PDB file of N, CA and C in Angstrom:
ATOM      1  N   UNK A   1     -48.352  81.718  32.468  1.00  0.00           N
ATOM      2  CA  UNK A   1     -47.681  82.144  31.747  1.00  0.00           C
ATOM      3  C   UNK A   1     -46.949  83.447  32.384  1.00  0.00           C
ATOM      4  N   UNK A   2     -45.522  83.425  31.778  1.00  0.00           N
ATOM      5  CA  UNK A   2     -44.324  84.150  32.512  1.00  0.00           C
ATOM      6  C   UNK A   2     -44.842  85.354  32.088  1.00  0.00           C
ATOM      7  N   UNK A   3     -44.569  86.196  33.044  1.00  0.00           N
ATOM      8  CA  UNK A   3     -44.800  87.687  32.389  1.00  0.00           C
ATOM      9  C   UNK A   3     -44.357  88.313  30.973  1.00  0.00           C
ATOM     10  N   UNK A   4     -43.062  87.237  30.179  1.00  0.00           N
ATOM     11  CA  UNK A   4     -42.495  87.619  29.145  1.00  0.00           C
ATOM     12  C   UNK A   4     -42.748  87.466  28.217  1.00  0.00           C
ATOM     13  N   UNK A   5     -43.809  85.775  28.301  1.00  0.00           N
ATOM     14  CA  UNK A   5     -44.307  85.579  27.503  1.00  0.00           C
ATOM     15  C   UNK A   5     -46.084  86.444  27.372  1.00  0.00           C
ATOM     16  N   UNK A   6     -46.820  86.750  28.170  1.00  0.00           N
ATOM     17  CA  UNK A   6     -47.822  87.360  28.545  1.00  0.00           C
ATOM     18  C   UNK A   6     -47.710  88.577  27.398  1.00  0.00           C
ATOM     19  N   UNK A   7     -46.236  89.704  27.744  1.00  0.00           N
ATOM     20  CA  UNK A   7     -45.717  90.535  27.033  1.00  0.00           C
ATOM     21  C   UNK A   7     -46.011  90.155  25.382  1.00  0.00           C
ATOM     22  N   UNK A   8     -45.038  89.020  25.095  1.00  0.00           N
ATOM     23  CA  UNK A   8     -45.170  88.787  23.973  1.00  0.00           C
ATOM     24  C   UNK A   8     -46.618  88.301  22.899  1.00  0.00           C
ATOM     25  N   UNK A   9     -47.330  88.353  23.783  1.00  0.00           N
ATOM     26  CA  UNK A   9     -48.505  87.562  23.534  1.00  0.00           C
ATOM     27  C   UNK A   9     -49.568  88.536  22.865  1.00  0.00           C
ATOM     28  N   UNK A  10     -49.643  90.080  23.647  1.00  0.00           N
ATOM     29  CA  UNK A  10     -50.326  90.943  23.705  1.00  0.00           C
ATOM     30  C   UNK A  10     -49.494  91.719  22.414  1.00  0.00           C
ATOM     31  N   UNK A  11     -48.105  91.993  22.489  1.00  0.00           N
ATOM     32  CA  UNK A  11     -47.864  92.850  21.273  1.00  0.00           C
ATOM     33  C   UNK A  11     -47.766  91.988  20.341  1.00  0.00           C
ATOM     34  N   UNK A  12     -48.670  90.551  19.800  1.00  0.00           N
ATOM     35  CA  UNK A  12     -48.809  90.131  18.638  1.00  0.00           C
ATOM     36  C   UNK A  12     -50.298  90.645  18.592  1.00  0.00           C
ATOM     37  N   UNK A  13     -50.853  90.755  19.267  1.00  0.00           N
ATOM     38  CA  UNK A  13     -52.524  90.789  19.434  1.00  0.00           C
ATOM     39  C   UNK A  13     -52.342  92.640  18.710  1.00  0.00           C
ATOM     40  N   UNK A  14     -51.327  93.012  19.490  1.00  0.00           N
ATOM     41  CA  UNK A  14     -51.558  94.795  18.429  1.00  0.00           C
ATOM     42  C   UNK A  14     -50.925  94.642  17.491  1.00  0.00           C
ATOM     43  N   UNK A  15     -49.971  94.147  17.087  1.00  0.00           N
ATOM     44  CA  UNK A  15     -49.258  94.292  15.374  1.00  0.00           C
ATOM     45  C   UNK A  15     -50.304  92.873  14.271  1.00  0.00           C
ATOM     46  N   UNK A  16     -51.344  92.645  14.770  1.00  0.00           N
ATOM     47  CA  UNK A  16     -52.267  91.656  13.857  1.00  0.00           C
ATOM     48  C   UNK A  16     -52.904  92.781  13.789  1.00  0.00           C
ATOM     49  N   UNK A  17     -53.562  92.544  11.942  1.00  0.00           N
ATOM     50  CA  UNK A  17     -54.370  93.147  11.751  1.00  0.00           C
ATOM     51  C   UNK A  17     -55.754  92.848  12.163  1.00  0.00           C
ATOM     52  N   UNK A  18     -56.734  94.512  12.303  1.00  0.00           N
ATOM     53  CA  UNK A  18     -57.838  94.333  12.726  1.00  0.00           C
ATOM     54  C   UNK A  18     -58.712  93.335  12.548  1.00  0.00           C
ATOM     55  N   UNK A  19     -58.621  93.445  10.644  1.00  0.00           N
ATOM     56  CA  UNK A  19     -59.700  91.926  10.292  1.00  0.00           C
ATOM     57  C   UNK A  19     -59.654  90.586  10.380  1.00  0.00           C
ATOM     58  N   UNK A  20     -58.171  90.242  10.575  1.00  0.00           N
ATOM     59  CA  UNK A  20     -58.002  89.112  10.781  1.00  0.00           C
ATOM     60  C   UNK A  20     -58.819  88.341  12.683  1.00  0.00           C
ATOM     61  N   UNK A  21     -58.455  89.656  13.556  1.00  0.00           N
ATOM     62  CA  UNK A  21     -59.061  89.016  14.909  1.00  0.00           C
ATOM     63  C   UNK A  21     -60.588  89.583  15.194  1.00  0.00           C
ATOM     64  N   UNK A  22     -61.208  90.039  13.966  1.00  0.00           N
ATOM     65  CA  UNK A  22     -62.456  90.188  14.083  1.00  0.00           C
ATOM     66  C   UNK A  22     -63.684  89.087  13.199  1.00  0.00           C
ATOM     67  N   UNK A  23     -62.434  88.393  11.968  1.00  0.00           N
ATOM     68  CA  UNK A  23     -63.201  87.804  10.505  1.00  0.00           C
ATOM     69  C   UNK A  23     -63.417  86.288  11.593  1.00  0.00           C
ATOM     70  N   UNK A  24     -62.467  86.144  11.696  1.00  0.00           N
ATOM     71  CA  UNK A  24     -61.970  84.733  12.473  1.00  0.00           C
ATOM     72  C   UNK A  24     -62.840  84.143  13.806  1.00  0.00           C
ATOM     73  N   UNK A  25     -63.664  82.975  13.199  1.00  0.00           N
ATOM     74  CA  UNK A  25     -64.276  82.386  14.269  1.00  0.00           C
ATOM     75  C   UNK A  25     -62.942  81.907  15.554  1.00  0.00           C
ATOM     76  N   UNK A  26     -63.469  81.380  16.305  1.00  0.00           N
ATOM     77  CA  UNK A  26     -62.944  81.363  18.081  1.00  0.00           C
ATOM     78  C   UNK A  26     -62.001  80.317  17.384  1.00  0.00           C
ATOM     79  N   UNK A  27     -62.449  79.298  17.034  1.00  0.00           N
ATOM     80  CA  UNK A  27     -61.262  77.999  17.098  1.00  0.00           C
ATOM     81  C   UNK A  27     -59.688  78.373  15.882  1.00  0.00           C
ATOM     82  N   UNK A  28     -60.572  79.111  14.725  1.00  0.00           N
ATOM     83  CA  UNK A  28     -59.994  79.945  13.884  1.00  0.00           C
ATOM     84  C   UNK A  28     -58.653  80.396  14.551  1.00  0.00           C
ATOM     85  N   UNK A  29     -59.195  81.603  15.086  1.00  0.00           N
ATOM     86  CA  UNK A  29     -57.992  82.785  15.561  1.00  0.00           C
ATOM     87  C   UNK A  29     -57.141  81.877  16.571  1.00  0.00           C
ATOM     88  N   UNK A  30     -57.522  81.070  17.727  1.00  0.00           N
ATOM     89  CA  UNK A  30     -56.799  80.540  18.547  1.00  0.00           C
ATOM     90  C   UNK A  30     -55.720  79.762  17.690  1.00  0.00           C
ATOM     91  N   UNK A  31     -56.230  79.566  16.865  1.00  0.00           N
ATOM     92  CA  UNK A  31     -55.373  78.230  15.535  1.00  0.00           C
ATOM     93  C   UNK A  31     -53.941  79.247  15.245  1.00  0.00           C
ATOM     94  N   UNK A  32     -54.819  80.586  14.524  1.00  0.00           N
ATOM     95  CA  UNK A  32     -53.992  81.311  13.957  1.00  0.00           C
ATOM     96  C   UNK A  32     -53.068  82.064  14.593  1.00  0.00           C
ATOM     97  N   UNK A  33     -53.141  82.799  16.032  1.00  0.00           N
ATOM     98  CA  UNK A  33     -52.896  82.866  17.064  1.00  0.00           C
ATOM     99  C   UNK A  33     -51.489  82.072  17.070  1.00  0.00           C
ATOM    100  N   UNK A  34     -51.809  80.818  17.996  1.00  0.00           N
ATOM    101  CA  UNK A  34     -50.843  79.770  17.959  1.00  0.00           C
ATOM    102  C   UNK A  34     -49.578  79.710  17.106  1.00  0.00           C
ATOM    103  N   UNK A  35     -50.376  79.509  15.637  1.00  0.00           N
ATOM    104  CA  UNK A  35     -49.031  79.371  14.633  1.00  0.00           C
ATOM    105  C   UNK A  35     -47.940  80.539  14.611  1.00  0.00           C
ATOM    106  N   UNK A  36     -48.513  82.064  14.831  1.00  0.00           N
ATOM    107  CA  UNK A  36     -47.680  83.148  14.614  1.00  0.00           C
ATOM    108  C   UNK A  36     -46.753  82.987  16.024  1.00  0.00           C
ATOM    109  N   UNK A  37     -47.149  82.772  16.970  1.00  0.00           N
ATOM    110  CA  UNK A  37     -46.267  82.822  18.511  1.00  0.00           C
ATOM    111  C   UNK A  37     -45.544  81.294  17.752  1.00  0.00           C
ATOM    112  N   UNK A  38     -45.835  80.011  17.500  1.00  0.00           N
ATOM    113  CA  UNK A  38     -44.981  79.201  17.297  1.00  0.00           C
ATOM    114  C   UNK A  38     -43.718  79.504  16.070  1.00  0.00           C
ATOM    115  N   UNK A  39     -43.942  80.565  15.297  1.00  0.00           N
ATOM    116  CA  UNK A  39     -42.902  80.875  14.568  1.00  0.00           C
ATOM    117  C   UNK A  39     -41.687  81.659  15.360  1.00  0.00           C
ATOM    118  N   UNK A  40     -42.589  82.476  16.502  1.00  0.00           N
ATOM    119  CA  UNK A  40     -41.515  83.502  17.443  1.00  0.00           C
ATOM    120  C   UNK A  40     -40.789  82.240  18.639  1.00  0.00           C
ATOM    121  N   UNK A  41     -40.597  81.075  18.225  1.00  0.00           N
ATOM    122  CA  UNK A  41     -40.151  80.261  19.347  1.00  0.00           C
ATOM    123  C   UNK A  41     -40.847  80.507  20.750  1.00  0.00           C
ATOM    124  N   UNK A  42     -41.781  81.008  20.621  1.00  0.00           N
ATOM    125  CA  UNK A  42     -42.500  81.231  21.880  1.00  0.00           C
ATOM    126  C   UNK A  42     -43.175  80.430  22.539  1.00  0.00           C
ATOM    127  N   UNK A  43     -43.145  79.373  21.550  1.00  0.00           N
ATOM    128  CA  UNK A  43     -43.362  77.509  22.533  1.00  0.00           C
ATOM    129  C   UNK A  43     -42.404  77.319  23.357  1.00  0.00           C
ATOM    130  N   UNK A  44     -41.051  77.593  23.317  1.00  0.00           N
ATOM    131  CA  UNK A  44     -40.325  77.344  23.894  1.00  0.00           C
ATOM    132  C   UNK A  44     -40.515  77.342  25.480  1.00  0.00           C
ATOM    133  N   UNK A  45     -41.004  78.549  25.567  1.00  0.00           N
ATOM    134  CA  UNK A  45     -41.450  79.140  26.997  1.00  0.00           C
ATOM    135  C   UNK A  45     -43.112  78.371  27.900  1.00  0.00           C
ATOM    136  N   UNK A  46     -43.965  78.090  26.681  1.00  0.00           N
ATOM    137  CA  UNK A  46     -45.134  78.218  27.043  1.00  0.00           C
ATOM    138  C   UNK A  46     -45.628  76.636  26.242  1.00  0.00           C
ATOM    139  N   UNK A  47     -46.624  75.704  27.114  1.00  0.00           N
ATOM    140  CA  UNK A  47     -46.996  74.679  26.821  1.00  0.00           C
ATOM    141  C   UNK A  47     -48.203  74.954  25.801  1.00  0.00           C
ATOM    142  N   UNK A  48     -48.320  74.411  24.580  1.00  0.00           N
ATOM    143  CA  UNK A  48     -49.358  74.332  23.873  1.00  0.00           C
ATOM    144  C   UNK A  48     -50.933  74.458  24.706  1.00  0.00           C
ATOM    145  N   UNK A  49     -50.815  73.683  25.338  1.00  0.00           N
ATOM    146  CA  UNK A  49     -52.165  73.584  26.033  1.00  0.00           C
ATOM    147  C   UNK A  49     -52.558  74.789  26.846  1.00  0.00           C
ATOM    148  N   UNK A  50     -51.317  74.930  27.684  1.00  0.00           N
ATOM    149  CA  UNK A  50     -51.719  76.166  28.320  1.00  0.00           C
ATOM    150  C   UNK A  50     -52.064  77.846  27.580  1.00  0.00           C
ATOM    151  N   UNK A  51     -51.188  77.667  26.420  1.00  0.00           N
ATOM    152  CA  UNK A  51     -51.527  79.055  25.690  1.00  0.00           C
ATOM    153  C   UNK A  51     -52.562  79.029  24.831  1.00  0.00           C
ATOM    154  N   UNK A  52     -53.065  78.122  24.554  1.00  0.00           N
ATOM    155  CA  UNK A  52     -54.462  77.755  23.946  1.00  0.00           C
ATOM    156  C   UNK A  52     -55.362  78.266  24.792  1.00  0.00           C
ATOM    157  N   UNK A  53     -55.271  77.637  25.964  1.00  0.00           N
ATOM    158  CA  UNK A  53     -56.361  78.209  26.934  1.00  0.00           C
ATOM    159  C   UNK A  53     -55.929  79.238  27.531  1.00  0.00           C
ATOM    160  N   UNK A  54     -55.342  80.000  27.563  1.00  0.00           N
ATOM    161  CA  UNK A  54     -54.850  81.401  27.334  1.00  0.00           C
ATOM    162  C   UNK A  54     -55.511  82.220  26.664  1.00  0.00           C
ATOM    163  N   UNK A  55     -55.746  81.795  25.540  1.00  0.00           N
ATOM    164  CA  UNK A  55     -56.189  82.533  24.256  1.00  0.00           C
ATOM    165  C   UNK A  55     -57.448  82.746  24.624  1.00  0.00           C
ATOM    166  N   UNK A  56     -57.779  81.501  24.312  1.00  0.00           N
ATOM    167  CA  UNK A  56     -59.937  81.055  24.399  1.00  0.00           C
ATOM    168  C   UNK A  56     -60.118  81.560  25.430  1.00  0.00           C
ATOM    169  N   UNK A  57     -59.397  82.107  26.601  1.00  0.00           N
ATOM    170  CA  UNK A  57     -59.866  82.924  27.758  1.00  0.00           C
ATOM    171  C   UNK A  57     -60.163  84.007  27.425  1.00  0.00           C
ATOM    172  N   UNK A  58     -59.649  84.609  26.551  1.00  0.00           N
ATOM    173  CA  UNK A  58     -59.023  86.127  26.601  1.00  0.00           C
ATOM    174  C   UNK A  58     -59.528  86.622  25.078  1.00  0.00           C
ATOM    175  N   UNK A  59     -60.275  85.353  24.280  1.00  0.00           N
ATOM    176  CA  UNK A  59     -61.337  86.232  22.856  1.00  0.00           C
ATOM    177  C   UNK A  59     -62.299  87.165  23.374  1.00  0.00           C
ATOM    178  N   UNK A  60     -62.966  87.112  23.964  1.00  0.00           N
ATOM    179  CA  UNK A  60     -64.028  88.788  24.197  1.00  0.00           C
ATOM    180  C   UNK A  60     -62.955  89.984  24.519  1.00  0.00           C
ATOM    181  N   UNK A  61     -61.474  90.056  25.353  1.00  0.00           N
ATOM    182  CA  UNK A  61     -61.127  91.132  25.206  1.00  0.00           C
ATOM    183  C   UNK A  61     -60.412  91.214  23.881  1.00  0.00           C
ATOM    184  N   UNK A  62     -59.863  90.458  23.602  1.00  0.00           N
ATOM    185  CA  UNK A  62     -59.268  90.801  21.941  1.00  0.00           C
ATOM    186  C   UNK A  62     -59.918  91.404  21.099  1.00  0.00           C
ATOM    187  N   UNK A  63     -61.220  90.437  20.761  1.00  0.00           N
ATOM    188  CA  UNK A  63     -62.273  90.944  19.560  1.00  0.00           C
ATOM    189  C   UNK A  63     -62.782  92.937  20.410  1.00  0.00           C
ATOM    190  N   UNK A  64     -62.884  92.723  21.375  1.00  0.00           N
ATOM    191  CA  UNK A  64     -63.100  94.344  22.092  1.00  0.00           C
ATOM    192  C   UNK A  64     -61.849  95.033  21.890  1.00  0.00           C
ATOM    193  N   UNK A  65     -60.831  94.826  22.222  1.00  0.00           N
ATOM    194  CA  UNK A  65     -59.790  95.337  21.772  1.00  0.00           C
ATOM    195  C   UNK A  65     -59.455  95.796  20.215  1.00  0.00           C
ATOM    196  N   UNK A  66     -60.022  94.788  19.491  1.00  0.00           N
ATOM    197  CA  UNK A  66     -60.283  95.093  17.517  1.00  0.00           C
ATOM    198  C   UNK A  66     -61.324  95.653  17.388  1.00  0.00           C
ATOM    199  N   UNK A  67     -62.812  95.655  17.999  1.00  0.00           N
ATOM    200  CA  UNK A  67     -63.332  96.756  17.661  1.00  0.00           C
ATOM    201  C   UNK A  67     -63.219  98.121  18.177  1.00  0.00           C
ATOM    202  N   UNK A  68     -62.473  98.208  19.562  1.00  0.00           N
ATOM    203  CA  UNK A  68     -61.891  99.745  19.376  1.00  0.00           C
ATOM    204  C   UNK A  68     -61.085 100.149  17.919  1.00  0.00           C
ATOM    205  N   UNK A  69     -60.052  99.495  17.967  1.00  0.00           N
ATOM    206  CA  UNK A  69     -59.503  99.722  17.175  1.00  0.00           C
ATOM    207  C   UNK A  69     -59.807 100.251  15.734  1.00  0.00           C
ATOM    208  N   UNK A  70     -60.747  99.105  15.212  1.00  0.00           N
ATOM    209  CA  UNK A  70     -61.269  99.765  14.109  1.00  0.00           C
ATOM    210  C   UNK A  70     -62.544 101.104  14.264  1.00  0.00           C
ATOM    211  N   UNK A  71     -62.925 100.997  15.234  1.00  0.00           N
ATOM    212  CA  UNK A  71     -63.875 102.453  15.077  1.00  0.00           C
ATOM    213  C   UNK A  71     -62.889 103.950  15.466  1.00  0.00           C
ATOM    214  N   UNK A  72     -61.807 103.790  16.338  1.00  0.00           N
ATOM    215  CA  UNK A  72     -60.583 104.630  16.091  1.00  0.00           C
ATOM    216  C   UNK A  72     -60.152 104.901  15.157  1.00  0.00           C
ATOM    217  N   UNK A  73     -59.912 103.805  14.173  1.00  0.00           N
ATOM    218  CA  UNK A  73     -59.232 104.071  12.740  1.00  0.00           C
ATOM    219  C   UNK A  73     -60.031 104.647  12.010  1.00  0.00           C
ATOM    220  N   UNK A  74     -61.613 104.253  11.415  1.00  0.00           N
ATOM    221  CA  UNK A  74     -63.075 105.023  10.933  1.00  0.00           C
ATOM    222  C   UNK A  74     -62.996 106.120  11.978  1.00  0.00           C
ATOM    223  N   UNK A  75     -62.799 106.570  12.562  1.00  0.00           N
ATOM    224  CA  UNK A  75     -63.019 107.903  13.290  1.00  0.00           C
ATOM    225  C   UNK A  75     -61.879 108.792  12.712  1.00  0.00           C
ATOM    226  N   UNK A  76     -60.568 108.414  13.064  1.00  0.00           N
ATOM    227  CA  UNK A  76     -59.488 109.305  12.800  1.00  0.00           C
ATOM    228  C   UNK A  76     -59.605 109.456  10.906  1.00  0.00           C
ATOM    229  N   UNK A  77     -59.586 108.383  10.312  1.00  0.00           N
ATOM    230  CA  UNK A  77     -59.457 108.698   8.930  1.00  0.00           C
ATOM    231  C   UNK A  77     -61.245 109.749   8.355  1.00  0.00           C
ATOM    232  N   UNK A  78     -62.187 109.710   9.048  1.00  0.00           N
ATOM    233  CA  UNK A  78     -63.548 110.149   8.634  1.00  0.00           C
ATOM    234  C   UNK A  78     -63.580 111.942   8.856  1.00  0.00           C
TER     235      UNK A  78
END
């Protein structure tokens, strides 16, 4: 994927509610993220199968980031 596509993808991860990133199962999360990116005409830059493979390979990192965000939010508000 191009650097621009990667930046857009990780921006989406940052903007996505933590509960979505943590509660959806792997397949549902890949599909949900793909749908969000399609709405932004992201897939003109990236093939769908390449995008799904990229997301799938990074699910552990995505979930770790969401867990950290959740822990930070809990710590900050408490």
